[in-house]
Amino acid sequence: MRKEIVVLGRSSQKFCADVPMGPDTHISRKHASVYYSEKSGRFKMKVYGQNGIHVNDKLVPVGSSIDLDNKVTLRAGNFTCIFEGSPPAERNKYVASESSESCFSKLVEKYSEDERLLAET
């Protein structure tokens, strides 16, 4: 996935998140966004969900923006994943790529596993 901003959230018929976080209603349709800041040389996350998001078990409230370190745990509602960011591949573009075992491919795999487990119960 190559985008300037990647949206994490609960998908619905009206909104399709780039990274679906499952059907949990404690997760907003647009719960958070992740982007690469050329200025700081780091990935950042902006939180939009009313219930916030936990980064390494620390609550980041709605309206906050934080730097994301590599291999941090993100948790919202029943959704948990490990963020793995890679540095930009080209100037003025960043890669949040599904290749090379990136964060977002792992998010999608985790979501698929959660959906399977919910279906079995």
PDB file of N, CA and C in Angstrom:
ATOM      1  N   MET A   1       0.855  -1.164   0.000  1.00  0.00           N
ATOM      2  CA  MET A   1       0.000   0.000   0.000  1.00  0.00           C
ATOM      3  C   MET A   1       0.900   1.227   0.000  1.00  0.00           C
ATOM      4  N   ARG A   2       0.745   2.094  -0.968  1.00  0.00           N
ATOM      5  CA  ARG A   2       1.566   3.285  -1.064  1.00  0.00           C
ATOM      6  C   ARG A   2       0.635   4.488  -1.049  1.00  0.00           C
ATOM      7  N   LYS A   3       0.592   5.164   0.090  1.00  0.00           N
ATOM      8  CA  LYS A   3      -0.279   6.315   0.266  1.00  0.00           C
ATOM      9  C   LYS A   3       0.433   7.317   1.149  1.00  0.00           C
ATOM     10  N   GLU A   4       0.019   8.565   1.063  1.00  0.00           N
ATOM     11  CA  GLU A   4       0.602   9.576   1.940  1.00  0.00           C
ATOM     12  C   GLU A   4       0.085   9.434   3.359  1.00  0.00           C
ATOM     13  N   ILE A   5      -1.186   9.084   3.480  1.00  0.00           N
ATOM     14  CA  ILE A   5      -1.803   8.902   4.790  1.00  0.00           C
ATOM     15  C   ILE A   5      -2.572   7.576   4.753  1.00  0.00           C
ATOM     16  N   VAL A   6      -2.350   6.753   5.758  1.00  0.00           N
ATOM     17  CA  VAL A   6      -3.043   5.473   5.852  1.00  0.00           C
ATOM     18  C   VAL A   6      -4.020   5.551   7.019  1.00  0.00           C
ATOM     19  N   VAL A   7      -5.299   5.260   6.741  1.00  0.00           N
ATOM     20  CA  VAL A   7      -6.353   5.360   7.747  1.00  0.00           C
ATOM     21  C   VAL A   7      -6.630   3.988   8.355  1.00  0.00           C
ATOM     22  N   LEU A   8      -6.625   3.943   9.686  1.00  0.00           N
ATOM     23  CA  LEU A   8      -6.970   2.746  10.437  1.00  0.00           C
ATOM     24  C   LEU A   8      -8.357   2.955  11.011  1.00  0.00           C
ATOM     25  N   GLY A   9      -9.228   1.974  10.881  1.00  0.00           N
ATOM     26  CA  GLY A   9     -10.556   2.141  11.443  1.00  0.00           C
ATOM     27  C   GLY A   9     -11.473   0.980  11.176  1.00  0.00           C
ATOM     28  N   ARG A  10     -12.703   1.151  11.610  1.00  0.00           N
ATOM     29  CA  ARG A  10     -13.746   0.148  11.435  1.00  0.00           C
ATOM     30  C   ARG A  10     -14.407   0.391  10.092  1.00  0.00           C
ATOM     31  N   SER A  11     -14.344  -0.572   9.229  1.00  0.00           N
ATOM     32  CA  SER A  11     -14.968  -0.430   7.915  1.00  0.00           C
ATOM     33  C   SER A  11     -16.472  -0.622   8.009  1.00  0.00           C
ATOM     34  N   SER A  12     -17.165   0.065   7.131  1.00  0.00           N
ATOM     35  CA  SER A  12     -18.617  -0.060   7.054  1.00  0.00           C
ATOM     36  C   SER A  12     -19.009   0.083   5.593  1.00  0.00           C
ATOM     37  N   GLN A  13     -20.301   0.020   5.315  1.00  0.00           N
ATOM     38  CA  GLN A  13     -20.760   0.203   3.942  1.00  0.00           C
ATOM     39  C   GLN A  13     -20.475   1.615   3.445  1.00  0.00           C
ATOM     40  N   LYS A  14     -20.413   2.576   4.367  1.00  0.00           N
ATOM     41  CA  LYS A  14     -20.201   3.969   3.984  1.00  0.00           C
ATOM     42  C   LYS A  14     -18.729   4.377   3.964  1.00  0.00           C
ATOM     43  N   PHE A  15     -17.878   3.586   4.620  1.00  0.00           N
ATOM     44  CA  PHE A  15     -16.465   3.974   4.745  1.00  0.00           C
ATOM     45  C   PHE A  15     -15.587   2.740   4.736  1.00  0.00           C
ATOM     46  N   CYS A  16     -14.542   2.784   3.948  1.00  0.00           N
ATOM     47  CA  CYS A  16     -13.604   1.668   3.882  1.00  0.00           C
ATOM     48  C   CYS A  16     -12.237   2.146   4.368  1.00  0.00           C
ATOM     49  N   ALA A  17     -11.836   1.689   5.535  1.00  0.00           N
ATOM     50  CA  ALA A  17     -10.525   2.047   6.084  1.00  0.00           C
ATOM     51  C   ALA A  17      -9.435   1.346   5.280  1.00  0.00           C
ATOM     52  N   ASP A  18      -8.270   1.981   5.181  1.00  0.00           N
ATOM     53  CA  ASP A  18      -7.131   1.341   4.520  1.00  0.00           C
ATOM     54  C   ASP A  18      -6.697   0.104   5.294  1.00  0.00           C
ATOM     55  N   VAL A  19      -6.763   0.220   6.621  1.00  0.00           N
ATOM     56  CA  VAL A  19      -6.423  -0.898   7.510  1.00  0.00           C
ATOM     57  C   VAL A  19      -7.643  -1.161   8.382  1.00  0.00           C
ATOM     58  N   PRO A  20      -8.434  -2.198   8.047  1.00  0.00           N
ATOM     59  CA  PRO A  20      -9.614  -2.496   8.843  1.00  0.00           C
ATOM     60  C   PRO A  20      -9.235  -3.039  10.217  1.00  0.00           C
ATOM     61  N   MET A  21      -9.888  -2.501  11.246  1.00  0.00           N
ATOM     62  CA  MET A  21      -9.573  -2.879  12.628  1.00  0.00           C
ATOM     63  C   MET A  21     -10.636  -3.779  13.238  1.00  0.00           C
ATOM     64  N   GLY A  22     -11.531  -4.298  12.426  1.00  0.00           N
ATOM     65  CA  GLY A  22     -12.551  -5.210  12.929  1.00  0.00           C
ATOM     66  C   GLY A  22     -13.884  -4.530  13.148  1.00  0.00           C
ATOM     67  N   PRO A  23     -14.878  -5.306  13.575  1.00  0.00           N
ATOM     68  CA  PRO A  23     -16.242  -4.790  13.700  1.00  0.00           C
ATOM     69  C   PRO A  23     -16.568  -4.157  15.055  1.00  0.00           C
ATOM     70  N   ASP A  24     -15.631  -4.102  15.967  1.00  0.00           N
ATOM     71  CA  ASP A  24     -15.861  -3.580  17.322  1.00  0.00           C
ATOM     72  C   ASP A  24     -16.365  -2.138  17.246  1.00  0.00           C
ATOM     73  N   THR A  25     -17.527  -1.878  17.857  1.00  0.00           N
ATOM     74  CA  THR A  25     -18.111  -0.533  17.807  1.00  0.00           C
ATOM     75  C   THR A  25     -17.393   0.470  18.701  1.00  0.00           C
ATOM     76  N   HIS A  26     -16.412   0.024  19.492  1.00  0.00           N
ATOM     77  CA  HIS A  26     -15.568   0.951  20.253  1.00  0.00           C
ATOM     78  C   HIS A  26     -14.490   1.569  19.363  1.00  0.00           C
ATOM     79  N   ILE A  27     -14.421   1.083  18.123  1.00  0.00           N
ATOM     80  CA  ILE A  27     -13.465   1.594  17.143  1.00  0.00           C
ATOM     81  C   ILE A  27     -14.231   2.462  16.156  1.00  0.00           C
ATOM     82  N   SER A  28     -13.749   3.672  15.923  1.00  0.00           N
ATOM     83  CA  SER A  28     -14.395   4.586  14.988  1.00  0.00           C
ATOM     84  C   SER A  28     -14.079   4.188  13.555  1.00  0.00           C
ATOM     85  N   ARG A  29     -14.924   4.637  12.625  1.00  0.00           N
ATOM     86  CA  ARG A  29     -14.652   4.339  11.212  1.00  0.00           C
ATOM     87  C   ARG A  29     -13.301   4.920  10.795  1.00  0.00           C
ATOM     88  N   LYS A  30     -13.028   6.127  11.230  1.00  0.00           N
ATOM     89  CA  LYS A  30     -11.701   6.728  11.030  1.00  0.00           C
ATOM     90  C   LYS A  30     -11.105   6.891  12.424  1.00  0.00           C
ATOM     91  N   HIS A  31     -10.449   5.843  12.902  1.00  0.00           N
ATOM     92  CA  HIS A  31      -9.964   5.834  14.281  1.00  0.00           C
ATOM     93  C   HIS A  31      -8.614   6.534  14.420  1.00  0.00           C
ATOM     94  N   ALA A  32      -7.739   6.332  13.437  1.00  0.00           N
ATOM     95  CA  ALA A  32      -6.408   6.952  13.481  1.00  0.00           C
ATOM     96  C   ALA A  32      -5.839   6.990  12.064  1.00  0.00           C
ATOM     97  N   SER A  33      -4.869   7.847  11.883  1.00  0.00           N
ATOM     98  CA  SER A  33      -4.144   7.861  10.609  1.00  0.00           C
ATOM     99  C   SER A  33      -2.650   7.814  10.904  1.00  0.00           C
ATOM    100  N   VAL A  34      -1.922   7.167  10.011  1.00  0.00           N
ATOM    101  CA  VAL A  34      -0.472   7.062  10.130  1.00  0.00           C
ATOM    102  C   VAL A  34       0.131   7.675   8.875  1.00  0.00           C
ATOM    103  N   TYR A  35       1.170   8.467   9.077  1.00  0.00           N
ATOM    104  CA  TYR A  35       1.840   9.101   7.945  1.00  0.00           C
ATOM    105  C   TYR A  35       3.316   9.294   8.278  1.00  0.00           C
ATOM    106  N   TYR A  36       4.096   9.516   7.249  1.00  0.00           N
ATOM    107  CA  TYR A  36       5.527   9.744   7.439  1.00  0.00           C
ATOM    108  C   TYR A  36       5.792  11.247   7.349  1.00  0.00           C
ATOM    109  N   SER A  37       6.489  11.784   8.338  1.00  0.00           N
ATOM    110  CA  SER A  37       6.825  13.205   8.351  1.00  0.00           C
ATOM    111  C   SER A  37       8.240  13.399   7.812  1.00  0.00           C
ATOM    112  N   GLU A  38       8.329  14.054   6.680  1.00  0.00           N
ATOM    113  CA  GLU A  38       9.645  14.372   6.116  1.00  0.00           C
ATOM    114  C   GLU A  38      10.436  15.256   7.076  1.00  0.00           C
ATOM    115  N   LYS A  39       9.735  16.175   7.736  1.00  0.00           N
ATOM    116  CA  LYS A  39      10.382  17.136   8.622  1.00  0.00           C
ATOM    117  C   LYS A  39      11.095  16.451   9.787  1.00  0.00           C
ATOM    118  N   SER A  40      10.405  15.498  10.426  1.00  0.00           N
ATOM    119  CA  SER A  40      11.000  14.822  11.583  1.00  0.00           C
ATOM    120  C   SER A  40      11.718  13.531  11.205  1.00  0.00           C
ATOM    121  N   GLY A  41      11.427  13.011  10.000  1.00  0.00           N
ATOM    122  CA  GLY A  41      12.025  11.746   9.592  1.00  0.00           C
ATOM    123  C   GLY A  41      11.452  10.561  10.348  1.00  0.00           C
ATOM    124  N   ARG A  42      10.201  10.702  10.813  1.00  0.00           N
ATOM    125  CA  ARG A  42       9.571   9.646  11.605  1.00  0.00           C
ATOM    126  C   ARG A  42       8.130   9.427  11.157  1.00  0.00           C
ATOM    127  N   PHE A  43       7.613   8.240  11.484  1.00  0.00           N
ATOM    128  CA  PHE A  43       6.192   7.998  11.301  1.00  0.00           C
ATOM    129  C   PHE A  43       5.449   8.645  12.451  1.00  0.00           C
ATOM    130  N   LYS A  44       4.270   9.178  12.145  1.00  0.00           N
ATOM    131  CA  LYS A  44       3.427   9.813  13.144  1.00  0.00           C
ATOM    132  C   LYS A  44       2.031   9.227  13.056  1.00  0.00           C
ATOM    133  N   MET A  45       1.311   9.337  14.167  1.00  0.00           N
ATOM    134  CA  MET A  45      -0.067   8.883  14.196  1.00  0.00           C
ATOM    135  C   MET A  45      -0.928   9.983  14.800  1.00  0.00           C
ATOM    136  N   LYS A  46      -2.063  10.241  14.150  1.00  0.00           N
ATOM    137  CA  LYS A  46      -3.066  11.183  14.646  1.00  0.00           C
ATOM    138  C   LYS A  46      -4.285  10.363  15.047  1.00  0.00           C
ATOM    139  N   VAL A  47      -4.800  10.594  16.254  1.00  0.00           N
ATOM    140  CA  VAL A  47      -5.917   9.813  16.787  1.00  0.00           C
ATOM    141  C   VAL A  47      -7.225  10.595  16.611  1.00  0.00           C
ATOM    142  N   TYR A  48      -8.212   9.949  15.981  1.00  0.00           N
ATOM    143  CA  TYR A  48      -9.524  10.544  15.755  1.00  0.00           C
ATOM    144  C   TYR A  48     -10.619   9.849  16.564  1.00  0.00           C
ATOM    145  N   GLY A  49     -10.410   8.591  16.944  1.00  0.00           N
ATOM    146  CA  GLY A  49     -11.421   7.813  17.648  1.00  0.00           C
ATOM    147  C   GLY A  49     -11.683   8.343  19.043  1.00  0.00           C
ATOM    148  N   GLN A  50     -12.961   8.439  19.410  1.00  0.00           N
ATOM    149  CA  GLN A  50     -13.356   8.969  20.722  1.00  0.00           C
ATOM    150  C   GLN A  50     -12.764   8.172  21.885  1.00  0.00           C
ATOM    151  N   ASN A  51     -12.502   6.884  21.661  1.00  0.00           N
ATOM    152  CA  ASN A  51     -11.953   6.045  22.730  1.00  0.00           C
ATOM    153  C   ASN A  51     -10.428   6.004  22.727  1.00  0.00           C
ATOM    154  N   GLY A  52      -9.805   6.770  21.844  1.00  0.00           N
ATOM    155  CA  GLY A  52      -8.348   6.803  21.791  1.00  0.00           C
ATOM    156  C   GLY A  52      -7.769   5.485  21.307  1.00  0.00           C
ATOM    157  N   ILE A  53      -6.457   5.380  21.419  1.00  0.00           N
ATOM    158  CA  ILE A  53      -5.746   4.162  21.031  1.00  0.00           C
ATOM    159  C   ILE A  53      -4.591   3.976  22.006  1.00  0.00           C
ATOM    160  N   HIS A  54      -4.327   2.747  22.365  1.00  0.00           N
ATOM    161  CA  HIS A  54      -3.219   2.457  23.278  1.00  0.00           C
ATOM    162  C   HIS A  54      -1.964   2.168  22.450  1.00  0.00           C
ATOM    163  N   VAL A  55      -0.881   2.833  22.797  1.00  0.00           N
ATOM    164  CA  VAL A  55       0.424   2.588  22.180  1.00  0.00           C
ATOM    165  C   VAL A  55       1.322   2.088  23.295  1.00  0.00           C
ATOM    166  N   ASN A  56       1.733   0.826  23.175  1.00  0.00           N
ATOM    167  CA  ASN A  56       2.499   0.176  24.255  1.00  0.00           C
ATOM    168  C   ASN A  56       1.806   0.345  25.601  1.00  0.00           C
ATOM    169  N   ASP A  57       0.511   0.094  25.608  1.00  0.00           N
ATOM    170  CA  ASP A  57      -0.339   0.136  26.812  1.00  0.00           C
ATOM    171  C   ASP A  57      -0.530   1.525  27.417  1.00  0.00           C
ATOM    172  N   LYS A  58      -0.102   2.572  26.711  1.00  0.00           N
ATOM    173  CA  LYS A  58      -0.345   3.940  27.183  1.00  0.00           C
ATOM    174  C   LYS A  58      -1.435   4.551  26.297  1.00  0.00           C
ATOM    175  N   LEU A  59      -2.499   5.039  26.923  1.00  0.00           N
ATOM    176  CA  LEU A  59      -3.611   5.613  26.176  1.00  0.00           C
ATOM    177  C   LEU A  59      -3.198   6.923  25.506  1.00  0.00           C
ATOM    178  N   VAL A  60      -3.449   6.996  24.210  1.00  0.00           N
ATOM    179  CA  VAL A  60      -3.266   8.228  23.448  1.00  0.00           C
ATOM    180  C   VAL A  60      -4.674   8.720  23.132  1.00  0.00           C
ATOM    181  N   PRO A  61      -5.094   9.839  23.729  1.00  0.00           N
ATOM    182  CA  PRO A  61      -6.486  10.278  23.585  1.00  0.00           C
ATOM    183  C   PRO A  61      -6.797  10.899  22.226  1.00  0.00           C
ATOM    184  N   VAL A  62      -8.096  10.988  21.955  1.00  0.00           N
ATOM    185  CA  VAL A  62      -8.583  11.609  20.723  1.00  0.00           C
ATOM    186  C   VAL A  62      -7.965  12.998  20.573  1.00  0.00           C
ATOM    187  N   GLY A  63      -7.596  13.343  19.351  1.00  0.00           N
ATOM    188  CA  GLY A  63      -7.020  14.650  19.055  1.00  0.00           C
ATOM    189  C   GLY A  63      -5.513  14.719  19.195  1.00  0.00           C
ATOM    190  N   SER A  64      -4.909  13.681  19.738  1.00  0.00           N
ATOM    191  CA  SER A  64      -3.452  13.679  19.943  1.00  0.00           C
ATOM    192  C   SER A  64      -2.717  13.203  18.699  1.00  0.00           C
ATOM    193  N   SER A  65      -1.503  13.695  18.537  1.00  0.00           N
ATOM    194  CA  SER A  65      -0.584  13.219  17.503  1.00  0.00           C
ATOM    195  C   SER A  65       0.688  12.784  18.209  1.00  0.00           C
ATOM    196  N   ILE A  66       1.213  11.622  17.822  1.00  0.00           N
ATOM    197  CA  ILE A  66       2.443  11.124  18.446  1.00  0.00           C
ATOM    198  C   ILE A  66       3.383  10.559  17.395  1.00  0.00           C
ATOM    199  N   ASP A  67       4.670  10.513  17.744  1.00  0.00           N
ATOM    200  CA  ASP A  67       5.646   9.815  16.917  1.00  0.00           C
ATOM    201  C   ASP A  67       5.498   8.328  17.186  1.00  0.00           C
ATOM    202  N   LEU A  68       5.613   7.515  16.138  1.00  0.00           N
ATOM    203  CA  LEU A  68       5.547   6.067  16.300  1.00  0.00           C
ATOM    204  C   LEU A  68       6.944   5.478  16.160  1.00  0.00           C
ATOM    205  N   ASP A  69       7.385   4.809  17.196  1.00  0.00           N
ATOM    206  CA  ASP A  69       8.637   4.080  17.119  1.00  0.00           C
ATOM    207  C   ASP A  69       8.382   2.764  16.396  1.00  0.00           C
ATOM    208  N   ASN A  70       9.447   2.137  15.941  1.00  0.00           N
ATOM    209  CA  ASN A  70       9.326   0.848  15.291  1.00  0.00           C
ATOM    210  C   ASN A  70       8.955  -0.214  16.325  1.00  0.00           C
ATOM    211  N   LYS A  71       8.099  -1.120  15.935  1.00  0.00           N
ATOM    212  CA  LYS A  71       7.687  -2.271  16.750  1.00  0.00           C
ATOM    213  C   LYS A  71       6.962  -1.887  18.041  1.00  0.00           C
ATOM    214  N   VAL A  72       6.086  -0.886  17.947  1.00  0.00           N
ATOM    215  CA  VAL A  72       5.224  -0.564  19.084  1.00  0.00           C
ATOM    216  C   VAL A  72       3.918  -1.344  18.929  1.00  0.00           C
ATOM    217  N   THR A  73       3.268  -1.605  20.046  1.00  0.00           N
ATOM    218  CA  THR A  73       1.979  -2.285  20.033  1.00  0.00           C
ATOM    219  C   THR A  73       0.873  -1.246  19.980  1.00  0.00           C
ATOM    220  N   LEU A  74      -0.056  -1.411  19.043  1.00  0.00           N
ATOM    221  CA  LEU A  74      -1.232  -0.546  18.922  1.00  0.00           C
ATOM    222  C   LEU A  74      -2.451  -1.372  19.318  1.00  0.00           C
ATOM    223  N   ARG A  75      -3.321  -0.780  20.160  1.00  0.00           N
ATOM    224  CA  ARG A  75      -4.510  -1.500  20.596  1.00  0.00           C
ATOM    225  C   ARG A  75      -5.690  -0.542  20.701  1.00  0.00           C
ATOM    226  N   ALA A  76      -6.798  -0.957  20.096  1.00  0.00           N
ATOM    227  CA  ALA A  76      -8.066  -0.218  20.209  1.00  0.00           C
ATOM    228  C   ALA A  76      -9.173  -1.252  20.213  1.00  0.00           C
ATOM    229  N   GLY A  77     -10.040  -1.177  21.200  1.00  0.00           N
ATOM    230  CA  GLY A  77     -11.113  -2.165  21.305  1.00  0.00           C
ATOM    231  C   GLY A  77     -10.526  -3.563  21.359  1.00  0.00           C
ATOM    232  N   ASN A  78     -11.036  -4.460  20.508  1.00  0.00           N
ATOM    233  CA  ASN A  78     -10.539  -5.833  20.444  1.00  0.00           C
ATOM    234  C   ASN A  78      -9.386  -6.003  19.462  1.00  0.00           C
ATOM    235  N   PHE A  79      -8.925  -4.921  18.871  1.00  0.00           N
ATOM    236  CA  PHE A  79      -7.884  -4.979  17.840  1.00  0.00           C
ATOM    237  C   PHE A  79      -6.510  -4.688  18.452  1.00  0.00           C
ATOM    238  N   THR A  80      -5.532  -5.543  18.142  1.00  0.00           N
ATOM    239  CA  THR A  80      -4.157  -5.348  18.583  1.00  0.00           C
ATOM    240  C   THR A  80      -3.222  -5.694  17.441  1.00  0.00           C
ATOM    241  N   CYS A  81      -2.157  -4.911  17.273  1.00  0.00           N
ATOM    242  CA  CYS A  81      -1.159  -5.215  16.251  1.00  0.00           C
ATOM    243  C   CYS A  81       0.182  -4.613  16.661  1.00  0.00           C
ATOM    244  N   ILE A  82       1.197  -4.971  15.930  1.00  0.00           N
ATOM    245  CA  ILE A  82       2.532  -4.399  16.093  1.00  0.00           C
ATOM    246  C   ILE A  82       2.789  -3.505  14.883  1.00  0.00           C
ATOM    247  N   PHE A  83       3.137  -2.247  15.124  1.00  0.00           N
ATOM    248  CA  PHE A  83       3.488  -1.340  14.027  1.00  0.00           C
ATOM    249  C   PHE A  83       4.967  -1.517  13.702  1.00  0.00           C
ATOM    250  N   GLU A  84       5.246  -1.778  12.432  1.00  0.00           N
ATOM    251  CA  GLU A  84       6.622  -1.828  11.955  1.00  0.00           C
ATOM    252  C   GLU A  84       6.741  -0.851  10.798  1.00  0.00           C
ATOM    253  N   GLY A  85       7.422   0.247  11.032  1.00  0.00           N
ATOM    254  CA  GLY A  85       7.586   1.259   9.999  1.00  0.00           C
ATOM    255  C   GLY A  85       8.935   1.130   9.339  1.00  0.00           C
ATOM    256  N   SER A  86       8.957   1.384   8.044  1.00  0.00           N
ATOM    257  CA  SER A  86      10.220   1.382   7.322  1.00  0.00           C
ATOM    258  C   SER A  86      10.488   2.791   6.817  1.00  0.00           C
ATOM    259  N   PRO A  87      11.750   3.193   6.713  1.00  0.00           N
ATOM    260  CA  PRO A  87      12.063   4.550   6.261  1.00  0.00           C
ATOM    261  C   PRO A  87      11.632   4.756   4.812  1.00  0.00           C
ATOM    262  N   PRO A  88      11.570   6.009   4.383  1.00  0.00           N
ATOM    263  CA  PRO A  88      11.102   6.294   3.032  1.00  0.00           C
ATOM    264  C   PRO A  88      11.981   5.653   1.970  1.00  0.00           C
ATOM    265  N   ALA A  89      11.325   5.169   0.916  1.00  0.00           N
ATOM    266  CA  ALA A  89      12.045   4.561  -0.197  1.00  0.00           C
ATOM    267  C   ALA A  89      12.556   5.639  -1.156  1.00  0.00           C
ATOM    268  N   GLU A  90      11.816   6.727  -1.243  1.00  0.00           N
ATOM    269  CA  GLU A  90      12.186   7.822  -2.133  1.00  0.00           C
ATOM    270  C   GLU A  90      11.904   9.139  -1.419  1.00  0.00           C
ATOM    271  N   ARG A  91      12.581  10.178  -1.824  1.00  0.00           N
ATOM    272  CA  ARG A  91      12.309  11.502  -1.263  1.00  0.00           C
ATOM    273  C   ARG A  91      10.881  11.906  -1.619  1.00  0.00           C
ATOM    274  N   ASN A  92      10.182  12.530  -0.690  1.00  0.00           N
ATOM    275  CA  ASN A  92       8.801  12.996  -0.835  1.00  0.00           C
ATOM    276  C   ASN A  92       7.776  11.883  -0.931  1.00  0.00           C
ATOM    277  N   LYS A  93       8.164  10.632  -0.713  1.00  0.00           N
ATOM    278  CA  LYS A  93       7.210   9.529  -0.670  1.00  0.00           C
ATOM    279  C   LYS A  93       7.625   8.631   0.473  1.00  0.00           C
ATOM    280  N   TYR A  94       6.685   8.031   1.126  1.00  0.00           N
ATOM    281  CA  TYR A  94       7.031   7.040   2.114  1.00  0.00           C
ATOM    282  C   TYR A  94       6.377   5.739   1.718  1.00  0.00           C
ATOM    283  N   VAL A  95       6.872   4.690   2.273  1.00  0.00           N
ATOM    284  CA  VAL A  95       6.323   3.389   1.955  1.00  0.00           C
ATOM    285  C   VAL A  95       5.682   2.811   3.205  1.00  0.00           C
ATOM    286  N   ALA A  96       4.422   2.567   3.118  1.00  0.00           N
ATOM    287  CA  ALA A  96       3.726   1.767   4.114  1.00  0.00           C
ATOM    288  C   ALA A  96       3.265   0.575   3.291  1.00  0.00           C
ATOM    289  N   SER A  97       4.172  -0.297   3.039  1.00  0.00           N
ATOM    290  CA  SER A  97       4.017  -1.309   2.015  1.00  0.00           C
ATOM    291  C   SER A  97       3.612  -2.651   2.577  1.00  0.00           C
ATOM    292  N   GLU A  98       2.809  -3.376   1.813  1.00  0.00           N
ATOM    293  CA  GLU A  98       2.437  -4.712   2.221  1.00  0.00           C
ATOM    294  C   GLU A  98       3.558  -5.703   1.914  1.00  0.00           C
ATOM    295  N   SER A  99       4.572  -5.274   1.183  1.00  0.00           N
ATOM    296  CA  SER A  99       5.694  -6.166   0.929  1.00  0.00           C
ATOM    297  C   SER A  99       6.662  -6.113   2.098  1.00  0.00           C
ATOM    298  N   SER A 100       7.550  -7.044   2.151  1.00  0.00           N
ATOM    299  CA  SER A 100       8.595  -7.148   3.173  1.00  0.00           C
ATOM    300  C   SER A 100       8.069  -7.134   4.604  1.00  0.00           C
ATOM    301  N   GLU A 101       6.949  -7.832   4.827  1.00  0.00           N
ATOM    302  CA  GLU A 101       6.428  -8.011   6.188  1.00  0.00           C
ATOM    303  C   GLU A 101       6.202  -6.693   6.923  1.00  0.00           C
ATOM    304  N   SER A 102       5.608  -5.728   6.265  1.00  0.00           N
ATOM    305  CA  SER A 102       5.388  -4.424   6.892  1.00  0.00           C
ATOM    306  C   SER A 102       4.244  -4.466   7.896  1.00  0.00           C
ATOM    307  N   CYS A 103       4.096  -3.367   8.593  1.00  0.00           N
ATOM    308  CA  CYS A 103       3.039  -3.217   9.600  1.00  0.00           C
ATOM    309  C   CYS A 103       1.673  -3.526   9.025  1.00  0.00           C
ATOM    310  N   PHE A 104       1.370  -2.979   7.874  1.00  0.00           N
ATOM    311  CA  PHE A 104       0.010  -3.044   7.390  1.00  0.00           C
ATOM    312  C   PHE A 104      -0.358  -4.422   6.876  1.00  0.00           C
ATOM    313  N   SER A 105       0.610  -5.172   6.361  1.00  0.00           N
ATOM    314  CA  SER A 105       0.284  -6.547   5.984  1.00  0.00           C
ATOM    315  C   SER A 105      -0.001  -7.351   7.244  1.00  0.00           C
ATOM    316  N   LYS A 106       0.727  -7.083   8.317  1.00  0.00           N
ATOM    317  CA  LYS A 106       0.483  -7.783   9.575  1.00  0.00           C
ATOM    318  C   LYS A 106      -0.858  -7.372  10.176  1.00  0.00           C
ATOM    319  N   LEU A 107      -1.249  -6.110  10.012  1.00  0.00           N
ATOM    320  CA  LEU A 107      -2.548  -5.663  10.503  1.00  0.00           C
ATOM    321  C   LEU A 107      -3.664  -6.424   9.806  1.00  0.00           C
ATOM    322  N   VAL A 108      -3.553  -6.546   8.497  1.00  0.00           N
ATOM    323  CA  VAL A 108      -4.584  -7.231   7.726  1.00  0.00           C
ATOM    324  C   VAL A 108      -4.621  -8.706   8.105  1.00  0.00           C
ATOM    325  N   GLU A 109      -3.459  -9.340   8.293  1.00  0.00           N
ATOM    326  CA  GLU A 109      -3.420 -10.735   8.719  1.00  0.00           C
ATOM    327  C   GLU A 109      -4.090 -10.892  10.084  1.00  0.00           C
ATOM    328  N   LYS A 110      -3.809  -9.989  11.020  1.00  0.00           N
ATOM    329  CA  LYS A 110      -4.382 -10.047  12.358  1.00  0.00           C
ATOM    330  C   LYS A 110      -5.892  -9.877  12.284  1.00  0.00           C
ATOM    331  N   TYR A 111      -6.365  -8.939  11.463  1.00  0.00           N
ATOM    332  CA  TYR A 111      -7.798  -8.719  11.304  1.00  0.00           C
ATOM    333  C   TYR A 111      -8.459  -9.983  10.776  1.00  0.00           C
ATOM    334  N   SER A 112      -7.859 -10.615   9.784  1.00  0.00           N
ATOM    335  CA  SER A 112      -8.406 -11.835   9.211  1.00  0.00           C
ATOM    336  C   SER A 112      -8.491 -12.933  10.254  1.00  0.00           C
ATOM    337  N   GLU A 113      -7.472 -13.055  11.088  1.00  0.00           N
ATOM    338  CA  GLU A 113      -7.472 -14.058  12.151  1.00  0.00           C
ATOM    339  C   GLU A 113      -8.580 -13.759  13.161  1.00  0.00           C
ATOM    340  N   ASP A 114      -8.746 -12.481  13.537  1.00  0.00           N
ATOM    341  CA  ASP A 114      -9.796 -12.101  14.484  1.00  0.00           C
ATOM    342  C   ASP A 114     -11.178 -12.422  13.919  1.00  0.00           C
ATOM    343  N   GLU A 115     -11.391 -12.135  12.638  1.00  0.00           N
ATOM    344  CA  GLU A 115     -12.666 -12.426  11.992  1.00  0.00           C
ATOM    345  C   GLU A 115     -12.945 -13.927  12.011  1.00  0.00           C
ATOM    346  N   ARG A 116     -11.925 -14.730  11.757  1.00  0.00           N
ATOM    347  CA  ARG A 116     -12.075 -16.184  11.762  1.00  0.00           C
ATOM    348  C   ARG A 116     -12.457 -16.649  13.163  1.00  0.00           C
ATOM    349  N   LEU A 117     -11.784 -16.135  14.172  1.00  0.00           N
ATOM    350  CA  LEU A 117     -12.077 -16.542  15.556  1.00  0.00           C
ATOM    351  C   LEU A 117     -13.487 -16.132  15.978  1.00  0.00           C
ATOM    352  N   LEU A 118     -13.917 -14.936  15.569  1.00  0.00           N
ATOM    353  CA  LEU A 118     -15.279 -14.486  15.893  1.00  0.00           C
ATOM    354  C   LEU A 118     -16.307 -15.388  15.230  1.00  0.00           C
ATOM    355  N   ALA A 119     -16.045 -15.819  14.013  1.00  0.00           N
ATOM    356  CA  ALA A 119     -16.973 -16.672  13.281  1.00  0.00           C
ATOM    357  C   ALA A 119     -17.094 -18.039  13.926  1.00  0.00           C
ATOM    358  N   GLU A 120     -16.031 -18.503  14.572  1.00  0.00           N
ATOM    359  CA  GLU A 120     -16.043 -19.817  15.214  1.00  0.00           C
ATOM    360  C   GLU A 120     -16.783 -19.816  16.542  1.00  0.00           C
ATOM    361  N   THR A 121     -16.995 -18.630  17.131  1.00  0.00           N
ATOM    362  CA  THR A 121     -17.657 -18.584  18.446  1.00  0.00           C
ATOM    363  C   THR A 121     -19.146 -18.382  18.335  1.00  0.00           C
TER     364      THR A 121
END
